[in-house]
């Protein structure tokens, strides 16, 4: 039987947690970009552009995709 240490679990959970906070799945980004093309409302286009831009910033600067959902980082400390 393989032994897994608490430290290994902690490290993997941290890695996955950070990944989900910094990156949106590429499939979802493609759907958002398609929705942006198809959207006719100026307000709808603006919102979709903000979501896409927010993901780009989060990925490049390693900050949470959506700041109002950052409560999980408090729970993990």
PDB file of N, CA and C in Angstrom:
ATOM      1  N   UNK A   1       0.839  -1.171   0.000  1.00  0.00           N
ATOM      2  CA  UNK A   1       0.000   0.000   0.000  1.00  0.00           C
ATOM      3  C   UNK A   1       0.892   1.245   0.000  1.00  0.00           C
ATOM      4  N   UNK A   2       0.495   2.223  -0.780  1.00  0.00           N
ATOM      5  CA  UNK A   2       1.251   3.472  -0.879  1.00  0.00           C
ATOM      6  C   UNK A   2       0.897   4.395   0.283  1.00  0.00           C
ATOM      7  N   UNK A   3       1.909   4.991   0.871  1.00  0.00           N
ATOM      8  CA  UNK A   3       1.682   5.936   1.966  1.00  0.00           C
ATOM      9  C   UNK A   3       1.706   7.359   1.420  1.00  0.00           C
ATOM     10  N   UNK A   4       0.748   8.137   1.841  1.00  0.00           N
ATOM     11  CA  UNK A   4       0.675   9.545   1.468  1.00  0.00           C
ATOM     12  C   UNK A   4       0.722  10.360   2.743  1.00  0.00           C
ATOM     13  N   UNK A   5       1.640  11.291   2.785  1.00  0.00           N
ATOM     14  CA  UNK A   5       1.794  12.099   3.994  1.00  0.00           C
ATOM     15  C   UNK A   5       0.806  13.267   4.004  1.00  0.00           C
ATOM     16  N   UNK A   6       0.558  13.773   5.169  1.00  0.00           N
ATOM     17  CA  UNK A   6      -0.299  14.948   5.322  1.00  0.00           C
ATOM     18  C   UNK A   6       0.288  16.116   4.529  1.00  0.00           C
ATOM     19  N   UNK A   7       1.589  16.227   4.543  1.00  0.00           N
ATOM     20  CA  UNK A   7       2.273  17.290   3.817  1.00  0.00           C
ATOM     21  C   UNK A   7       2.011  17.199   2.311  1.00  0.00           C
ATOM     22  N   UNK A   8       2.014  15.992   1.762  1.00  0.00           N
ATOM     23  CA  UNK A   8       1.743  15.808   0.339  1.00  0.00           C
ATOM     24  C   UNK A   8       0.312  16.230   0.001  1.00  0.00           C
ATOM     25  N   UNK A   9      -0.610  15.856   0.856  1.00  0.00           N
ATOM     26  CA  UNK A   9      -2.012  16.237   0.641  1.00  0.00           C
ATOM     27  C   UNK A   9      -2.155  17.749   0.716  1.00  0.00           C
ATOM     28  N   UNK A  10      -1.553  18.325   1.739  1.00  0.00           N
ATOM     29  CA  UNK A  10      -1.613  19.780   1.923  1.00  0.00           C
ATOM     30  C   UNK A  10      -1.035  20.504   0.702  1.00  0.00           C
ATOM     31  N   UNK A  11       0.104  20.056   0.209  1.00  0.00           N
ATOM     32  CA  UNK A  11       0.737  20.690  -0.951  1.00  0.00           C
ATOM     33  C   UNK A  11      -0.137  20.584  -2.201  1.00  0.00           C
ATOM     34  N   UNK A  12      -0.738  19.430  -2.416  1.00  0.00           N
ATOM     35  CA  UNK A  12      -1.578  19.226  -3.597  1.00  0.00           C
ATOM     36  C   UNK A  12      -2.855  20.056  -3.504  1.00  0.00           C
ATOM     37  N   UNK A  13      -3.469  20.101  -2.343  1.00  0.00           N
ATOM     38  CA  UNK A  13      -4.674  20.909  -2.158  1.00  0.00           C
ATOM     39  C   UNK A  13      -4.352  22.383  -2.404  1.00  0.00           C
ATOM     40  N   UNK A  14      -3.223  22.831  -1.877  1.00  0.00           N
ATOM     41  CA  UNK A  14      -2.805  24.223  -2.086  1.00  0.00           C
ATOM     42  C   UNK A  14      -2.618  24.503  -3.580  1.00  0.00           C
ATOM     43  N   UNK A  15      -1.925  23.614  -4.271  1.00  0.00           N
ATOM     44  CA  UNK A  15      -1.678  23.779  -5.710  1.00  0.00           C
ATOM     45  C   UNK A  15      -2.993  23.888  -6.489  1.00  0.00           C
ATOM     46  N   UNK A  16      -3.919  22.978  -6.208  1.00  0.00           N
ATOM     47  CA  UNK A  16      -5.199  22.970  -6.916  1.00  0.00           C
ATOM     48  C   UNK A  16      -6.047  24.187  -6.555  1.00  0.00           C
ATOM     49  N   UNK A  17      -6.013  24.563  -5.298  1.00  0.00           N
ATOM     50  CA  UNK A  17      -6.751  25.739  -4.836  1.00  0.00           C
ATOM     51  C   UNK A  17      -6.271  26.988  -5.571  1.00  0.00           C
ATOM     52  N   UNK A  18      -4.964  27.165  -5.642  1.00  0.00           N
ATOM     53  CA  UNK A  18      -4.413  28.339  -6.314  1.00  0.00           C
ATOM     54  C   UNK A  18      -4.736  28.316  -7.809  1.00  0.00           C
ATOM     55  N   UNK A  19      -4.641  27.145  -8.412  1.00  0.00           N
ATOM     56  CA  UNK A  19      -4.948  27.018  -9.837  1.00  0.00           C
ATOM     57  C   UNK A  19      -6.388  27.438 -10.120  1.00  0.00           C
ATOM     58  N   UNK A  20      -7.321  27.013  -9.291  1.00  0.00           N
ATOM     59  CA  UNK A  20      -8.723  27.370  -9.520  1.00  0.00           C
ATOM     60  C   UNK A  20      -8.994  28.837  -9.244  1.00  0.00           C
ATOM     61  N   UNK A  21      -8.168  29.481  -8.455  1.00  0.00           N
ATOM     62  CA  UNK A  21      -8.334  30.904  -8.182  1.00  0.00           C
ATOM     63  C   UNK A  21      -7.703  31.784  -9.254  1.00  0.00           C
ATOM     64  N   UNK A  22      -6.747  31.262 -10.002  1.00  0.00           N
ATOM     65  CA  UNK A  22      -6.014  32.069 -10.972  1.00  0.00           C
ATOM     66  C   UNK A  22      -6.387  31.796 -12.422  1.00  0.00           C
ATOM     67  N   UNK A  23      -7.012  30.666 -12.704  1.00  0.00           N
ATOM     68  CA  UNK A  23      -7.239  30.278 -14.091  1.00  0.00           C
ATOM     69  C   UNK A  23      -8.667  29.767 -14.306  1.00  0.00           C
ATOM     70  N   UNK A  24      -9.283  30.264 -15.372  1.00  0.00           N
ATOM     71  CA  UNK A  24     -10.558  29.717 -15.824  1.00  0.00           C
ATOM     72  C   UNK A  24     -10.224  28.656 -16.876  1.00  0.00           C
ATOM     73  N   UNK A  25     -10.957  27.576 -16.886  1.00  0.00           N
ATOM     74  CA  UNK A  25     -10.754  26.511 -17.855  1.00  0.00           C
ATOM     75  C   UNK A  25     -10.813  27.068 -19.277  1.00  0.00           C
ATOM     76  N   UNK A  26      -9.942  26.604 -20.147  1.00  0.00           N
ATOM     77  CA  UNK A  26      -9.874  27.120 -21.520  1.00  0.00           C
ATOM     78  C   UNK A  26     -11.190  26.946 -22.273  1.00  0.00           C
ATOM     79  N   UNK A  27     -11.915  25.870 -21.988  1.00  0.00           N
ATOM     80  CA  UNK A  27     -13.220  25.659 -22.612  1.00  0.00           C
ATOM     81  C   UNK A  27     -14.191  26.777 -22.220  1.00  0.00           C
ATOM     82  N   UNK A  28     -14.159  27.180 -20.968  1.00  0.00           N
ATOM     83  CA  UNK A  28     -15.035  28.247 -20.511  1.00  0.00           C
ATOM     84  C   UNK A  28     -14.644  29.580 -21.155  1.00  0.00           C
ATOM     85  N   UNK A  29     -13.349  29.844 -21.282  1.00  0.00           N
ATOM     86  CA  UNK A  29     -12.894  31.069 -21.947  1.00  0.00           C
ATOM     87  C   UNK A  29     -13.394  31.102 -23.391  1.00  0.00           C
ATOM     88  N   UNK A  30     -13.300  29.980 -24.087  1.00  0.00           N
ATOM     89  CA  UNK A  30     -13.789  29.914 -25.474  1.00  0.00           C
ATOM     90  C   UNK A  30     -15.286  30.210 -25.530  1.00  0.00           C
ATOM     91  N   UNK A  31     -16.034  29.688 -24.571  1.00  0.00           N
ATOM     92  CA  UNK A  31     -17.474  29.943 -24.540  1.00  0.00           C
ATOM     93  C   UNK A  31     -17.772  31.414 -24.242  1.00  0.00           C
ATOM     94  N   UNK A  32     -16.984  32.006 -23.353  1.00  0.00           N
ATOM     95  CA  UNK A  32     -17.160  33.431 -23.058  1.00  0.00           C
ATOM     96  C   UNK A  32     -16.842  34.281 -24.280  1.00  0.00           C
ATOM     97  N   UNK A  33     -15.799  33.927 -25.017  1.00  0.00           N
ATOM     98  CA  UNK A  33     -15.438  34.664 -26.226  1.00  0.00           C
ATOM     99  C   UNK A  33     -16.505  34.517 -27.309  1.00  0.00           C
ATOM    100  N   UNK A  34     -17.089  33.325 -27.429  1.00  0.00           N
ATOM    101  CA  UNK A  34     -18.177  33.126 -28.382  1.00  0.00           C
ATOM    102  C   UNK A  34     -19.395  33.936 -27.955  1.00  0.00           C
ATOM    103  N   UNK A  35     -19.695  33.922 -26.665  1.00  0.00           N
ATOM    104  CA  UNK A  35     -20.827  34.697 -26.164  1.00  0.00           C
ATOM    105  C   UNK A  35     -20.611  36.187 -26.436  1.00  0.00           C
ATOM    106  N   UNK A  36     -19.380  36.646 -26.302  1.00  0.00           N
ATOM    107  CA  UNK A  36     -19.057  38.048 -26.581  1.00  0.00           C
ATOM    108  C   UNK A  36     -19.338  38.383 -28.045  1.00  0.00           C
ATOM    109  N   UNK A  37     -18.966  37.487 -28.952  1.00  0.00           N
ATOM    110  CA  UNK A  37     -19.245  37.704 -30.381  1.00  0.00           C
ATOM    111  C   UNK A  37     -20.745  37.748 -30.664  1.00  0.00           C
ATOM    112  N   UNK A  38     -21.482  36.861 -29.989  1.00  0.00           N
ATOM    113  CA  UNK A  38     -22.915  36.728 -30.248  1.00  0.00           C
ATOM    114  C   UNK A  38     -23.764  37.780 -29.516  1.00  0.00           C
ATOM    115  N   UNK A  39     -23.230  38.360 -28.467  1.00  0.00           N
ATOM    116  CA  UNK A  39     -23.985  39.309 -27.646  1.00  0.00           C
ATOM    117  C   UNK A  39     -24.315  40.572 -28.439  1.00  0.00           C
ATOM    118  N   UNK A  40     -25.544  41.039 -28.323  1.00  0.00           N
ATOM    119  CA  UNK A  40     -25.964  42.249 -29.032  1.00  0.00           C
ATOM    120  C   UNK A  40     -26.078  43.457 -28.100  1.00  0.00           C
ATOM    121  N   UNK A  41     -26.264  43.206 -26.838  1.00  0.00           N
ATOM    122  CA  UNK A  41     -26.414  44.295 -25.872  1.00  0.00           C
ATOM    123  C   UNK A  41     -25.057  44.907 -25.541  1.00  0.00           C
ATOM    124  N   UNK A  42     -24.939  46.235 -25.595  1.00  0.00           N
ATOM    125  CA  UNK A  42     -23.677  46.878 -25.210  1.00  0.00           C
ATOM    126  C   UNK A  42     -23.288  46.579 -23.756  1.00  0.00           C
ATOM    127  N   UNK A  43     -24.251  46.533 -22.875  1.00  0.00           N
ATOM    128  CA  UNK A  43     -23.966  46.222 -21.470  1.00  0.00           C
ATOM    129  C   UNK A  43     -23.503  44.774 -21.340  1.00  0.00           C
ATOM    130  N   UNK A  44     -24.163  43.864 -22.040  1.00  0.00           N
ATOM    131  CA  UNK A  44     -23.763  42.457 -22.023  1.00  0.00           C
ATOM    132  C   UNK A  44     -22.354  42.276 -22.555  1.00  0.00           C
ATOM    133  N   UNK A  45     -22.028  42.961 -23.654  1.00  0.00           N
ATOM    134  CA  UNK A  45     -20.672  42.896 -24.213  1.00  0.00           C
ATOM    135  C   UNK A  45     -19.647  43.412 -23.213  1.00  0.00           C
ATOM    136  N   UNK A  46     -19.988  44.504 -22.539  1.00  0.00           N
ATOM    137  CA  UNK A  46     -19.078  45.094 -21.557  1.00  0.00           C
ATOM    138  C   UNK A  46     -18.799  44.130 -20.407  1.00  0.00           C
ATOM    139  N   UNK A  47     -19.836  43.488 -19.922  1.00  0.00           N
ATOM    140  CA  UNK A  47     -19.686  42.536 -18.814  1.00  0.00           C
ATOM    141  C   UNK A  47     -18.820  41.354 -19.243  1.00  0.00           C
ATOM    142  N   UNK A  48     -19.088  40.803 -20.406  1.00  0.00           N
ATOM    143  CA  UNK A  48     -18.293  39.672 -20.898  1.00  0.00           C
ATOM    144  C   UNK A  48     -16.840  40.072 -21.101  1.00  0.00           C
ATOM    145  N   UNK A  49     -16.598  41.271 -21.629  1.00  0.00           N
ATOM    146  CA  UNK A  49     -15.226  41.744 -21.796  1.00  0.00           C
ATOM    147  C   UNK A  49     -14.523  41.860 -20.446  1.00  0.00           C
ATOM    148  N   UNK A  50     -15.247  42.343 -19.436  1.00  0.00           N
ATOM    149  CA  UNK A  50     -14.652  42.465 -18.100  1.00  0.00           C
ATOM    150  C   UNK A  50     -14.293  41.096 -17.523  1.00  0.00           C
ATOM    151  N   UNK A  51     -15.160  40.113 -17.708  1.00  0.00           N
ATOM    152  CA  UNK A  51     -14.900  38.765 -17.190  1.00  0.00           C
ATOM    153  C   UNK A  51     -13.655  38.181 -17.873  1.00  0.00           C
ATOM    154  N   UNK A  52     -13.564  38.330 -19.189  1.00  0.00           N
ATOM    155  CA  UNK A  52     -12.418  37.805 -19.933  1.00  0.00           C
ATOM    156  C   UNK A  52     -11.136  38.521 -19.506  1.00  0.00           C
ATOM    157  N   UNK A  53     -11.199  39.843 -19.404  1.00  0.00           N
ATOM    158  CA  UNK A  53     -10.023  40.619 -18.989  1.00  0.00           C
ATOM    159  C   UNK A  53      -9.614  40.272 -17.556  1.00  0.00           C
ATOM    160  N   UNK A  54     -10.586  40.103 -16.673  1.00  0.00           N
ATOM    161  CA  UNK A  54     -10.303  39.737 -15.286  1.00  0.00           C
ATOM    162  C   UNK A  54      -9.539  38.417 -15.223  1.00  0.00           C
ATOM    163  N   UNK A  55      -9.927  37.462 -16.070  1.00  0.00           N
ATOM    164  CA  UNK A  55      -9.210  36.180 -16.098  1.00  0.00           C
ATOM    165  C   UNK A  55      -7.773  36.359 -16.568  1.00  0.00           C
ATOM    166  N   UNK A  56      -7.559  37.187 -17.585  1.00  0.00           N
ATOM    167  CA  UNK A  56      -6.199  37.422 -18.080  1.00  0.00           C
ATOM    168  C   UNK A  56      -5.322  38.038 -16.991  1.00  0.00           C
ATOM    169  N   UNK A  57      -5.874  38.999 -16.274  1.00  0.00           N
ATOM    170  CA  UNK A  57      -5.127  39.649 -15.190  1.00  0.00           C
ATOM    171  C   UNK A  57      -4.828  38.647 -14.078  1.00  0.00           C
ATOM    172  N   UNK A  58      -5.842  37.877 -13.696  1.00  0.00           N
ATOM    173  CA  UNK A  58      -5.668  36.890 -12.625  1.00  0.00           C
ATOM    174  C   UNK A  58      -4.575  35.884 -12.976  1.00  0.00           C
ATOM    175  N   UNK A  59      -4.573  35.422 -14.218  1.00  0.00           N
ATOM    176  CA  UNK A  59      -3.575  34.444 -14.650  1.00  0.00           C
ATOM    177  C   UNK A  59      -2.164  35.027 -14.654  1.00  0.00           C
ATOM    178  N   UNK A  60      -2.029  36.232 -15.174  1.00  0.00           N
ATOM    179  CA  UNK A  60      -0.687  36.806 -15.307  1.00  0.00           C
ATOM    180  C   UNK A  60      -0.127  37.344 -13.992  1.00  0.00           C
ATOM    181  N   UNK A  61      -1.009  37.842 -13.126  1.00  0.00           N
ATOM    182  CA  UNK A  61      -0.542  38.445 -11.872  1.00  0.00           C
ATOM    183  C   UNK A  61      -0.722  37.552 -10.648  1.00  0.00           C
ATOM    184  N   UNK A  62      -1.278  36.363 -10.865  1.00  0.00           N
ATOM    185  CA  UNK A  62      -1.509  35.396  -9.780  1.00  0.00           C
ATOM    186  C   UNK A  62      -2.332  35.999  -8.643  1.00  0.00           C
ATOM    187  N   UNK A  63      -3.488  36.572  -9.030  1.00  0.00           N
ATOM    188  CA  UNK A  63      -4.455  37.070  -8.051  1.00  0.00           C
ATOM    189  C   UNK A  63      -5.784  36.375  -8.321  1.00  0.00           C
ATOM    190  N   UNK A  64      -6.646  36.361  -7.350  1.00  0.00           N
ATOM    191  CA  UNK A  64      -7.921  35.658  -7.499  1.00  0.00           C
ATOM    192  C   UNK A  64      -8.716  36.219  -8.676  1.00  0.00           C
ATOM    193  N   UNK A  65      -9.344  35.330  -9.417  1.00  0.00           N
ATOM    194  CA  UNK A  65     -10.139  35.724 -10.579  1.00  0.00           C
ATOM    195  C   UNK A  65     -11.208  36.731 -10.178  1.00  0.00           C
ATOM    196  N   UNK A  66     -11.908  36.446  -9.131  1.00  0.00           N
ATOM    197  CA  UNK A  66     -12.983  37.321  -8.689  1.00  0.00           C
ATOM    198  C   UNK A  66     -12.744  37.653  -7.223  1.00  0.00           C
ATOM    199  N   UNK A  67     -12.463  38.893  -6.951  1.00  0.00           N
ATOM    200  CA  UNK A  67     -12.084  39.286  -5.600  1.00  0.00           C
ATOM    201  C   UNK A  67     -13.186  39.043  -4.563  1.00  0.00           C
ATOM    202  N   UNK A  68     -14.444  39.069  -4.961  1.00  0.00           N
ATOM    203  CA  UNK A  68     -15.497  38.863  -3.972  1.00  0.00           C
ATOM    204  C   UNK A  68     -15.669  37.396  -3.588  1.00  0.00           C
ATOM    205  N   UNK A  69     -14.956  36.494  -4.239  1.00  0.00           N
ATOM    206  CA  UNK A  69     -15.018  35.080  -3.852  1.00  0.00           C
ATOM    207  C   UNK A  69     -13.744  34.648  -3.132  1.00  0.00           C
ATOM    208  N   UNK A  70     -12.962  35.590  -2.713  1.00  0.00           N
ATOM    209  CA  UNK A  70     -11.681  35.301  -2.085  1.00  0.00           C
ATOM    210  C   UNK A  70     -11.838  34.761  -0.656  1.00  0.00           C
ATOM    211  N   UNK A  71     -13.052  34.543  -0.212  1.00  0.00           N
ATOM    212  CA  UNK A  71     -13.287  34.049   1.148  1.00  0.00           C
ATOM    213  C   UNK A  71     -12.657  32.681   1.375  1.00  0.00           C
ATOM    214  N   UNK A  72     -12.493  31.877   0.332  1.00  0.00           N
ATOM    215  CA  UNK A  72     -11.894  30.551   0.511  1.00  0.00           C
ATOM    216  C   UNK A  72     -10.450  30.641   1.010  1.00  0.00           C
ATOM    217  N   UNK A  73      -9.738  31.671   0.586  1.00  0.00           N
ATOM    218  CA  UNK A  73      -8.352  31.782   1.054  1.00  0.00           C
ATOM    219  C   UNK A  73      -8.317  32.020   2.551  1.00  0.00           C
ATOM    220  N   UNK A  74      -9.326  32.668   3.090  1.00  0.00           N
ATOM    221  CA  UNK A  74      -9.393  32.869   4.538  1.00  0.00           C
ATOM    222  C   UNK A  74      -9.595  31.543   5.269  1.00  0.00           C
ATOM    223  N   UNK A  75     -10.414  30.690   4.686  1.00  0.00           N
ATOM    224  CA  UNK A  75     -10.694  29.393   5.291  1.00  0.00           C
ATOM    225  C   UNK A  75      -9.482  28.474   5.244  1.00  0.00           C
ATOM    226  N   UNK A  76      -8.618  28.668   4.257  1.00  0.00           N
ATOM    227  CA  UNK A  76      -7.486  27.758   4.104  1.00  0.00           C
ATOM    228  C   UNK A  76      -6.295  28.148   4.964  1.00  0.00           C
ATOM    229  N   UNK A  77      -6.301  29.316   5.523  1.00  0.00           N
ATOM    230  CA  UNK A  77      -5.169  29.772   6.353  1.00  0.00           C
ATOM    231  C   UNK A  77      -5.133  29.118   7.699  1.00  0.00           C
TER     232      UNK A  77
END
